[in-house]
C-alpha atoms as a PDB file:
ATOM      1  CA  MET A   1     140.416  60.839 146.670  1.00  0.00           C
ATOM      2  CA  SER A   2     140.823  61.400 150.308  1.00  0.00           C
ATOM      3  CA  ARG A   3     138.116  63.593 151.785  1.00  0.00           C
ATOM      4  CA  VAL A   4     140.549  65.522 153.487  1.00  0.00           C
ATOM      5  CA  HIS A   5     142.102  66.629 149.842  1.00  0.00           C
ATOM      6  CA  VAL A   6     138.468  67.766 148.986  1.00  0.00           C
ATOM      7  CA  HIS A   7     137.906  69.406 152.105  1.00  0.00           C
ATOM      8  CA  THR A   8     141.474  71.313 151.609  1.00  0.00           C
ATOM      9  CA  ALA A   9     139.984  72.609 147.967  1.00  0.00           C
ATOM     10  CA  ALA A  10     137.171  73.918 149.479  1.00  0.00           C
ATOM     11  CA  ARG A  11     138.482  75.963 152.412  1.00  0.00           C
ATOM     12  CA  VAL A  12     140.737  77.152 149.805  1.00  0.00           C
ATOM     13  CA  VAL A  13     138.325  78.060 147.242  1.00  0.00           C
ATOM     14  CA  ARG A  14     136.060  80.025 150.497  1.00  0.00           C
ATOM     15  CA  ALA A  15     139.104  81.767 151.784  1.00  0.00           C
ATOM     16  CA  GLY A  16     139.500  83.288 147.978  1.00  0.00           C
ATOM     17  CA  GLY A  17     141.379  81.335 146.150  1.00  0.00           C
ATOM     18  CA  VAL A  18     141.467  79.314 143.156  1.00  0.00           C
ATOM     19  CA  VAL A  19     141.572  75.746 142.500  1.00  0.00           C
ATOM     20  CA  ALA A  20     141.504  72.989 139.852  1.00  0.00           C
ATOM     21  CA  TYR A  21     139.540  70.046 139.857  1.00  0.00           C
ATOM     22  CA  PRO A  22     138.459  67.221 137.282  1.00  0.00           C
ATOM     23  CA  THR A  23     135.058  67.177 135.515  1.00  0.00           C
ATOM     24  CA  GLU A  24     133.501  65.278 132.995  1.00  0.00           C
ATOM     25  CA  ALA A  25     135.847  65.948 130.521  1.00  0.00           C
ATOM     26  CA  VAL A  26     138.753  68.109 131.307  1.00  0.00           C
ATOM     27  CA  TYR A  27     140.194  69.609 134.471  1.00  0.00           C
ATOM     28  CA  GLY A  28     138.192  73.135 135.703  1.00  0.00           C
ATOM     29  CA  LEU A  29     139.188  76.172 137.607  1.00  0.00           C
ATOM     30  CA  GLY A  30     137.045  77.106 140.262  1.00  0.00           C
ATOM     31  CA  CYS A  31     136.286  79.883 142.517  1.00  0.00           C
ATOM     32  CA  VAL A  32     133.444  80.807 144.772  1.00  0.00           C
ATOM     33  CA  PRO A  33     130.896  82.740 142.104  1.00  0.00           C
ATOM     34  CA  THR A  34     130.170  85.990 144.661  1.00  0.00           C
ATOM     35  CA  ASP A  35     133.963  86.639 145.134  1.00  0.00           C
ATOM     36  CA  GLU A  36     134.800  89.745 143.026  1.00  0.00           C
ATOM     37  CA  ARG A  37     138.315  89.465 143.692  1.00  0.00           C
ATOM     38  CA  ALA A  38     138.764  85.826 142.956  1.00  0.00           C
ATOM     39  CA  LEU A  39     136.467  86.191 139.159  1.00  0.00           C
ATOM     40  CA  ALA A  40     138.638  88.760 138.620  1.00  0.00           C
ATOM     41  CA  ARG A  41     141.939  86.811 139.450  1.00  0.00           C
ATOM     42  CA  LEU A  42     140.314  83.937 137.251  1.00  0.00           C
ATOM     43  CA  ILE A  43     139.984  86.280 134.356  1.00  0.00           C
ATOM     44  CA  ALA A  44     143.531  87.088 134.760  1.00  0.00           C
ATOM     45  CA  ILE A  45     144.809  83.580 134.950  1.00  0.00           C
ATOM     46  CA  LYS A  46     142.741  82.381 131.979  1.00  0.00           C
ATOM     47  CA  ARG A  47     144.016  85.532 130.013  1.00  0.00           C
ATOM     48  CA  ARG A  48     140.567  85.568 128.864  1.00  0.00           C
ATOM     49  CA  ASP A  49     137.849  88.102 127.600  1.00  0.00           C
ATOM     50  CA  ALA A  50     136.007  89.082 130.433  1.00  0.00           C
ATOM     51  CA  ARG A  51     133.015  89.443 127.974  1.00  0.00           C
ATOM     52  CA  LYS A  52     132.433  85.723 127.704  1.00  0.00           C
ATOM     53  CA  GLY A  53     131.369  84.984 131.504  1.00  0.00           C
ATOM     54  CA  PHE A  54     131.305  81.416 133.368  1.00  0.00           C
ATOM     55  CA  LEU A  55     129.766  78.821 133.958  1.00  0.00           C
ATOM     56  CA  LEU A  56     128.498  77.259 137.139  1.00  0.00           C
ATOM     57  CA  ILE A  57     128.434  73.891 138.903  1.00  0.00           C
ATOM     58  CA  ALA A  58     126.619  72.819 141.620  1.00  0.00           C
ATOM     59  CA  ALA A  59     125.687  69.762 143.438  1.00  0.00           C
ATOM     60  CA  ASP A  60     122.442  70.370 143.754  1.00  0.00           C
ATOM     61  CA  LEU A  61     119.775  72.655 142.608  1.00  0.00           C
ATOM     62  CA  ALA A  62     119.389  74.620 145.669  1.00  0.00           C
ATOM     63  CA  GLN A  63     122.715  75.867 145.128  1.00  0.00           C
ATOM     64  CA  LEU A  64     122.142  77.436 141.702  1.00  0.00           C
ATOM     65  CA  GLU A  65     119.296  79.147 142.861  1.00  0.00           C
ATOM     66  CA  PRO A  66     120.827  82.163 143.928  1.00  0.00           C
ATOM     67  CA  PHE A  67     122.442  82.844 139.998  1.00  0.00           C
ATOM     68  CA  ALA A  68     119.161  81.631 138.207  1.00  0.00           C
ATOM     69  CA  GLU A  69     115.672  81.182 137.192  1.00  0.00           C
ATOM     70  CA  LEU A  70     114.537  78.008 136.117  1.00  0.00           C
ATOM     71  CA  PRO A  71     111.884  78.619 132.956  1.00  0.00           C
ATOM     72  CA  GLY A  72     107.969  77.500 133.393  1.00  0.00           C
ATOM     73  CA  GLU A  73     106.651  73.964 132.183  1.00  0.00           C
ATOM     74  CA  PRO A  74     107.150  72.064 129.801  1.00  0.00           C
ATOM     75  CA  ARG A  75     111.652  73.109 130.009  1.00  0.00           C
ATOM     76  CA  ARG A  76     111.685  73.435 133.464  1.00  0.00           C
ATOM     77  CA  SER A  77     111.029  69.352 133.822  1.00  0.00           C
ATOM     78  CA  GLU A  78     112.757  68.936 130.726  1.00  0.00           C
ATOM     79  CA  ILE A  79     116.072  70.554 132.199  1.00  0.00           C
ATOM     80  CA  LEU A  80     115.469  69.288 136.011  1.00  0.00           C
ATOM     81  CA  ALA A  81     114.958  65.712 134.404  1.00  0.00           C
ATOM     82  CA  SER A  82     119.383  66.239 133.162  1.00  0.00           C
ATOM     83  CA  TRP A  83     120.177  67.130 136.392  1.00  0.00           C
ATOM     84  CA  PRO A  84     122.850  65.652 138.007  1.00  0.00           C
ATOM     85  CA  GLY A  85     124.350  65.364 134.621  1.00  0.00           C
ATOM     86  CA  PRO A  86     126.843  66.636 131.815  1.00  0.00           C
ATOM     87  CA  VAL A  87     124.262  68.598 130.048  1.00  0.00           C
ATOM     88  CA  THR A  88     124.491  72.849 131.207  1.00  0.00           C
ATOM     89  CA  TRP A  89     121.429  75.098 130.865  1.00  0.00           C
ATOM     90  CA  VAL A  90     121.784  78.840 129.896  1.00  0.00           C
ATOM     91  CA  LEU A  91     119.491  80.008 132.083  1.00  0.00           C
ATOM     92  CA  ALA A  92     118.037  83.844 132.821  1.00  0.00           C
ATOM     93  CA  ALA A  93     120.542  85.325 135.698  1.00  0.00           C
ATOM     94  CA  ARG A  94     119.153  86.789 138.517  1.00  0.00           C
ATOM     95  CA  ARG A  95     119.044  90.142 139.549  1.00  0.00           C
ATOM     96  CA  GLY A  96     122.630  91.249 140.755  1.00  0.00           C
ATOM     97  CA  VAL A  97     124.778  88.441 139.667  1.00  0.00           C
ATOM     98  CA  SER A  98     128.307  89.671 138.619  1.00  0.00           C
ATOM     99  CA  ALA A  99     128.773  90.712 135.487  1.00  0.00           C
ATOM    100  CA  LEU A 100     132.036  89.204 135.775  1.00  0.00           C
ATOM    101  CA  LEU A 101     129.934  85.878 135.888  1.00  0.00           C
ATOM    102  CA  THR A 102     127.620  86.551 132.985  1.00  0.00           C
ATOM    103  CA  GLY A 103     129.763  88.507 130.447  1.00  0.00           C
ATOM    104  CA  GLY A 104     127.578  91.225 130.829  1.00  0.00           C
ATOM    105  CA  ARG A 105     124.372  89.230 129.841  1.00  0.00           C
ATOM    106  CA  ARG A 106     120.819  88.755 130.923  1.00  0.00           C
ATOM    107  CA  THR A 107     121.808  85.029 131.575  1.00  0.00           C
ATOM    108  CA  ILE A 108     124.288  82.413 133.096  1.00  0.00           C
ATOM    109  CA  ALA A 109     125.019  78.886 132.070  1.00  0.00           C
ATOM    110  CA  VAL A 110     124.663  76.213 135.069  1.00  0.00           C
ATOM    111  CA  ARG A 111     124.784  72.498 135.716  1.00  0.00           C
ATOM    112  CA  VAL A 112     124.035  70.454 138.741  1.00  0.00           C
ATOM    113  CA  THR A 113     127.111  68.295 138.188  1.00  0.00           C
ATOM    114  CA  ALA A 114     126.990  64.384 138.223  1.00  0.00           C
ATOM    115  CA  HIS A 115     131.055  64.056 138.317  1.00  0.00           C
ATOM    116  CA  PRO A 116     131.585  62.761 142.284  1.00  0.00           C
ATOM    117  CA  LEU A 117     134.853  64.408 143.005  1.00  0.00           C
ATOM    118  CA  ALA A 118     133.380  67.990 141.553  1.00  0.00           C
ATOM    119  CA  ARG A 119     129.766  67.691 143.009  1.00  0.00           C
ATOM    120  CA  GLU A 120     131.545  66.624 146.646  1.00  0.00           C
ATOM    121  CA  LEU A 121     133.832  69.699 146.053  1.00  0.00           C
ATOM    122  CA  CYS A 122     130.630  72.074 145.952  1.00  0.00           C
ATOM    123  CA  ALA A 123     128.914  70.471 148.514  1.00  0.00           C
ATOM    124  CA  ALA A 124     132.176  70.604 151.322  1.00  0.00           C
ATOM    125  CA  ALA A 125     132.479  74.265 149.533  1.00  0.00           C
ATOM    126  CA  ARG A 126     128.253  74.678 150.548  1.00  0.00           C
ATOM    127  CA  THR A 127     128.504  76.619 147.218  1.00  0.00           C
ATOM    128  CA  ALA A 128     128.007  76.289 143.350  1.00  0.00           C
ATOM    129  CA  LEU A 129     131.106  77.039 141.794  1.00  0.00           C
ATOM    130  CA  VAL A 130     132.550  78.685 138.854  1.00  0.00           C
ATOM    131  CA  SER A 131     133.647  75.963 136.249  1.00  0.00           C
ATOM    132  CA  THR A 132     136.253  76.993 133.521  1.00  0.00           C
ATOM    133  CA  SER A 133     138.662  74.664 131.407  1.00  0.00           C
ATOM    134  CA  ALA A 134     142.129  74.662 133.525  1.00  0.00           C
ATOM    135  CA  ASN A 135     143.856  76.513 130.136  1.00  0.00           C
ATOM    136  CA  ARG A 136     144.836  80.021 129.068  1.00  0.00           C
ATOM    137  CA  SER A 137     142.382  80.642 126.374  1.00  0.00           C
ATOM    138  CA  ALA A 138     143.007  79.604 123.114  1.00  0.00           C
ATOM    139  CA  ARG A 139     144.746  76.392 124.454  1.00  0.00           C
ATOM    140  CA  ARG A 140     144.211  72.967 124.848  1.00  0.00           C
ATOM    141  CA  PRO A 141     142.056  72.422 128.594  1.00  0.00           C
ATOM    142  CA  ALA A 142     144.101  70.028 130.972  1.00  0.00           C
ATOM    143  CA  ARG A 143     143.215  66.505 131.068  1.00  0.00           C
ATOM    144  CA  SER A 144     145.093  65.487 134.179  1.00  0.00           C
ATOM    145  CA  ALA A 145     146.904  67.062 137.456  1.00  0.00           C
ATOM    146  CA  LEU A 146     150.242  67.381 135.910  1.00  0.00           C
ATOM    147  CA  ALA A 147     149.251  69.108 132.817  1.00  0.00           C
ATOM    148  CA  VAL A 148     146.884  71.695 135.287  1.00  0.00           C
ATOM    149  CA  ARG A 149     150.253  71.828 137.127  1.00  0.00           C
ATOM    150  CA  ARG A 150     152.383  72.440 133.986  1.00  0.00           C
ATOM    151  CA  ALA A 151     150.349  74.862 132.446  1.00  0.00           C
ATOM    152  CA  LEU A 152     149.231  76.830 135.137  1.00  0.00           C
ATOM    153  CA  GLY A 153     151.865  76.297 137.824  1.00  0.00           C
ATOM    154  CA  ARG A 154     152.404  78.687 140.975  1.00  0.00           C
ATOM    155  CA  ASP A 155     148.920  81.156 139.134  1.00  0.00           C
ATOM    156  CA  ILE A 156     146.317  78.902 140.676  1.00  0.00           C
ATOM    157  CA  ASP A 157     146.102  77.740 144.579  1.00  0.00           C
ATOM    158  CA  TYR A 158     145.129  74.139 144.842  1.00  0.00           C
ATOM    159  CA  VAL A 159     145.013  71.091 142.136  1.00  0.00           C
ATOM    160  CA  LEU A 160     142.419  68.471 143.576  1.00  0.00           C
ATOM    161  CA  ALA A 161     143.393  65.304 141.434  1.00  0.00           C
ATOM    162  CA  GLY A 162     141.150  62.949 140.778  1.00  0.00           C
ATOM    163  CA  PRO A 163     139.673  60.689 137.145  1.00  0.00           C
ATOM    164  CA  LEU A 164     137.825  62.386 134.660  1.00  0.00           C
ATOM    165  CA  GLY A 165     133.743  61.937 134.294  1.00  0.00           C
ATOM    166  CA  GLY A 166     134.941  60.086 130.747  1.00  0.00           C
ATOM    167  CA  LEU A 167     133.323  62.262 128.533  1.00  0.00           C
ATOM    168  CA  GLU A 168     135.668  62.768 125.273  1.00  0.00           C
ATOM    169  CA  ARG A 169     134.372  66.621 124.691  1.00  0.00           C
ATOM    170  CA  PRO A 170     132.784  69.387 127.230  1.00  0.00           C
ATOM    171  CA  THR A 171     129.215  69.068 128.229  1.00  0.00           C
ATOM    172  CA  THR A 172     126.431  69.916 125.938  1.00  0.00           C
ATOM    173  CA  ILE A 173     125.071  73.666 126.267  1.00  0.00           C
ATOM    174  CA  ARG A 174     121.249  74.484 125.547  1.00  0.00           C
ATOM    175  CA  ASP A 175     119.664  77.430 126.131  1.00  0.00           C
ATOM    176  CA  GLY A 176     117.007  77.146 128.966  1.00  0.00           C
ATOM    177  CA  ALA A 177     113.983  79.035 126.822  1.00  0.00           C
ATOM    178  CA  THR A 178     114.046  77.408 123.703  1.00  0.00           C
ATOM    179  CA  GLY A 179     115.936  73.912 124.142  1.00  0.00           C
ATOM    180  CA  ALA A 180     118.020  74.591 121.174  1.00  0.00           C
ATOM    181  CA  VAL A 181     122.055  73.046 121.629  1.00  0.00           C
ATOM    182  CA  LEU A 182     124.389  75.489 121.699  1.00  0.00           C
ATOM    183  CA  ARG A 183     127.042  73.518 122.087  1.00  0.00           C
ATOM    184  CA  GLY A 184     126.647  69.745 120.907  1.00  0.00           C
END
């Protein structure tokens, strides 16, 4: 995948757009998490209940710090040891994080991704990105760039094509307070 394509996708999201990109198991849809208009548009594209909230992916921990608070030890070390990697943690949301991201909860799901292209996109965009499966609600997530284009067409602004990360199922989600597996 050419750096040009990654930088094009990064420019699109920084300008308020919604892009599709490969993740560990499926294609994701993303936008800048502080852009309320892009978040509302993403909810409309997915035809999704706004109370579900979204998860964020990032290239590194620093990109998540404006959105989530890490717990104290020993959970903190467990979380950091799982990143970068395919484990999403539900952590306390920082004050002021949009209810469109959290679904109105006091928590937010976050992950430092190990997927090379998704990670490169976050780095090029200089921000964490929303990561939700590329599909309409209750439909199967897209597993290829072609499937994204067929399912979502012109509703999205750019498709960053590339290989998936090799997982058969979406990433594990764990509770940052207890360590419990919420989705295996």
